[in-house]
Amino acid sequence: MAGDAKALATLISARSDKDARIADTVVGTLAEWRDAAAWDGLLAIYRQPQSEPHRVLALRGLVRLATAENARPTPALVERYRQLFDGARSDNDRRLCLGALAGVADPAALSLALPLLSDAAVRAEAVLAVRKITTSIKAQHPQAAKEALQRLR
């Protein structure tokens, strides 16, 4: 693991390389990183990319990393999704995030999906996310599930 940490630190420091081929390779490698250790580096690229393709690659990598944690929802995971939605620039970004968020079996995830019900461009995906989340939480959180489903009417 120490080698992984060293390699990750080297990649993150090289992400702003002036040689576009190196920067492209760095972003692509970070987007494929095997665990959440790459989160902060990818998030920095997502928030302040050198190019739109880098931002999209970073978003895809972040969504993949977040999705890998969906089975073990925590407040930190919901916060990671909040970071993704906060940085979303397009409806396609929000659709991608909603698709992944739908797998989070935590009532806190509803706080990210429910506001998007009023956005016509992503309403269909928001409805699907709310339905999937409520299905997964209704046994442990019946009131939260009921209230969320009422918002779909």
Protein backbone atom coordinates (compact mmCIF):
# COMPACT_ATOMS: atom_id res chain seq x y z
CA MET A 1 0.00 0.00 0.00
CA ALA A 2 2.87 2.40 0.63
CA GLY A 3 3.81 2.04 -3.04
CA ASP A 4 0.26 2.86 -4.03
CA ALA A 5 0.30 5.98 -1.87
CA LYS A 6 3.61 7.07 -3.38
CA ALA A 7 2.36 6.44 -6.93
CA LEU A 8 -0.84 8.34 -6.19
CA ALA A 9 1.09 11.31 -4.80
CA THR A 10 3.29 11.34 -7.90
CA LEU A 11 0.25 11.26 -10.17
CA ILE A 12 -1.51 14.04 -8.32
CA SER A 13 1.57 16.26 -8.47
CA ALA A 14 1.88 15.62 -12.23
CA ARG A 15 -1.75 16.40 -13.06
CA SER A 16 -0.93 19.98 -14.05
CA ASP A 17 1.96 19.02 -16.34
CA LYS A 18 2.26 21.36 -19.31
CA ASP A 19 2.62 18.38 -21.65
CA ALA A 20 -0.98 17.56 -22.56
CA ARG A 21 -0.17 13.88 -23.12
CA ILE A 22 1.18 13.55 -19.59
CA ALA A 23 -1.78 15.42 -18.10
CA ASP A 24 -4.19 13.23 -20.10
CA THR A 25 -2.45 10.08 -18.87
CA VAL A 26 -2.51 11.29 -15.27
CA VAL A 27 -6.22 12.10 -15.34
CA GLY A 28 -7.05 8.81 -17.04
CA THR A 29 -5.01 6.85 -14.51
CA LEU A 30 -6.59 8.66 -11.56
CA ALA A 31 -10.06 8.05 -13.00
CA GLU A 32 -9.30 4.31 -13.03
CA TRP A 33 -7.72 4.24 -9.54
CA ARG A 34 -8.85 1.19 -7.64
CA ASP A 35 -9.92 2.82 -4.39
CA ALA A 36 -11.14 6.03 -2.81
CA ALA A 37 -7.60 7.20 -2.06
CA ALA A 38 -7.81 9.03 -5.41
CA TRP A 39 -10.96 10.93 -4.39
CA ASP A 40 -9.32 14.22 -3.41
CA GLY A 41 -7.13 14.34 -6.51
CA LEU A 42 -10.05 13.58 -8.80
CA LEU A 43 -12.26 16.07 -6.99
CA ALA A 44 -9.67 18.81 -7.52
CA ILE A 45 -9.62 18.02 -11.25
CA TYR A 46 -13.43 17.92 -11.35
CA ARG A 47 -13.68 21.32 -9.69
CA GLN A 48 -10.87 23.04 -11.63
CA PRO A 49 -10.09 21.05 -14.76
CA GLN A 50 -7.52 21.97 -17.38
CA SER A 51 -10.05 20.87 -19.98
CA GLU A 52 -13.63 19.65 -20.28
CA PRO A 53 -12.53 16.09 -21.16
CA HIS A 54 -10.48 16.03 -17.94
CA ARG A 55 -13.52 17.20 -15.95
CA VAL A 56 -15.70 14.49 -17.48
CA LEU A 57 -13.08 11.79 -16.83
CA ALA A 58 -12.74 12.97 -13.25
CA LEU A 59 -16.52 12.92 -12.77
CA ARG A 60 -16.78 9.38 -14.14
CA GLY A 61 -13.97 8.24 -11.85
CA LEU A 62 -15.60 9.92 -8.85
CA VAL A 63 -18.97 8.35 -9.62
CA ARG A 64 -17.32 4.94 -9.95
CA LEU A 65 -15.58 5.36 -6.60
CA ALA A 66 -18.77 6.58 -4.88
CA THR A 67 -20.82 3.74 -6.36
CA ALA A 68 -18.33 1.23 -4.96
CA GLU A 69 -19.29 2.50 -1.49
CA ASN A 70 -23.08 2.44 -2.01
CA ALA A 71 -23.46 -0.87 -0.16
CA ARG A 72 -22.07 0.77 2.99
CA PRO A 73 -23.77 4.17 3.11
CA THR A 74 -22.33 6.65 5.57
CA PRO A 75 -22.67 10.39 6.08
CA ALA A 76 -19.28 10.72 4.35
CA LEU A 77 -20.62 8.95 1.26
CA VAL A 78 -23.65 11.24 1.09
CA GLU A 79 -21.27 14.20 1.41
CA ARG A 80 -19.26 12.85 -1.51
CA TYR A 81 -22.41 12.75 -3.61
CA ARG A 82 -23.17 16.31 -2.50
CA GLN A 83 -19.74 17.33 -3.81
CA LEU A 84 -20.55 15.71 -7.14
CA PHE A 85 -23.90 17.48 -7.46
CA ASP A 86 -22.35 20.80 -6.39
CA GLY A 87 -19.82 20.53 -9.21
CA ALA A 88 -22.29 19.35 -11.85
CA ARG A 89 -22.29 21.66 -14.85
CA SER A 90 -24.81 19.95 -17.07
CA ASP A 91 -27.95 17.88 -17.05
CA ASN A 92 -25.86 14.91 -18.17
CA ASP A 93 -23.66 15.35 -15.09
CA ARG A 94 -26.74 15.38 -12.86
CA ARG A 95 -28.19 12.33 -14.62
CA LEU A 96 -24.96 10.39 -14.07
CA CYS A 97 -24.90 11.38 -10.40
CA LEU A 98 -28.58 10.53 -9.90
CA GLY A 99 -28.08 7.11 -11.45
CA ALA A 100 -25.34 6.35 -8.96
CA LEU A 101 -27.11 7.99 -6.00
CA ALA A 102 -30.09 5.70 -6.56
CA GLY A 103 -28.03 2.87 -5.10
CA VAL A 104 -27.51 4.59 -1.74
CA ALA A 105 -29.78 2.98 0.85
CA ASP A 106 -29.78 5.93 3.22
CA PRO A 107 -32.55 8.47 3.87
CA ALA A 108 -29.97 11.27 3.66
CA ALA A 109 -29.57 10.47 -0.04
CA LEU A 110 -33.13 11.70 -0.54
CA SER A 111 -32.00 15.22 0.37
CA LEU A 112 -29.96 15.23 -2.85
CA ALA A 113 -32.53 13.61 -5.14
CA LEU A 114 -35.75 15.31 -4.01
CA PRO A 115 -34.78 18.89 -4.98
CA LEU A 116 -34.10 17.70 -8.53
CA LEU A 117 -37.74 16.66 -8.95
CA SER A 118 -38.44 20.27 -9.89
CA ASP A 119 -35.82 20.26 -12.66
CA ALA A 120 -37.68 19.16 -15.80
CA ALA A 121 -34.45 18.17 -17.55
CA VAL A 122 -33.59 15.50 -14.97
CA ARG A 123 -36.96 14.84 -13.35
CA ALA A 124 -37.27 11.33 -14.79
CA GLU A 125 -33.91 10.31 -13.32
CA ALA A 126 -34.74 12.00 -10.01
CA VAL A 127 -38.03 10.09 -9.81
CA LEU A 128 -36.22 6.81 -10.45
CA ALA A 129 -33.60 7.63 -7.83
CA VAL A 130 -36.23 8.56 -5.22
CA ARG A 131 -38.18 5.36 -5.92
CA LYS A 132 -35.10 3.17 -5.67
CA ILE A 133 -33.85 4.85 -2.50
CA THR A 134 -37.27 4.65 -0.82
CA THR A 135 -37.57 0.97 -1.73
CA SER A 136 -34.24 0.28 -0.07
CA ILE A 137 -34.96 2.28 3.11
CA LYS A 138 -38.67 1.65 3.72
CA ALA A 139 -38.16 -1.21 6.19
CA GLN A 140 -35.84 0.79 8.48
CA HIS A 141 -37.14 4.30 7.71
CA PRO A 142 -40.81 3.97 6.75
CA GLN A 143 -41.72 7.58 7.50
CA ALA A 144 -38.90 9.04 5.40
CA ALA A 145 -39.81 6.70 2.54
CA LYS A 146 -43.50 7.61 2.76
CA GLU A 147 -42.80 11.35 2.79
CA ALA A 148 -40.46 11.08 -0.18
CA LEU A 149 -42.95 9.06 -2.21
CA GLN A 150 -45.64 11.66 -1.50
CA ARG A 151 -43.41 14.25 -3.18
CA LEU A 152 -43.62 12.24 -6.41
CA ARG A 153 -47.32 13.02 -6.80
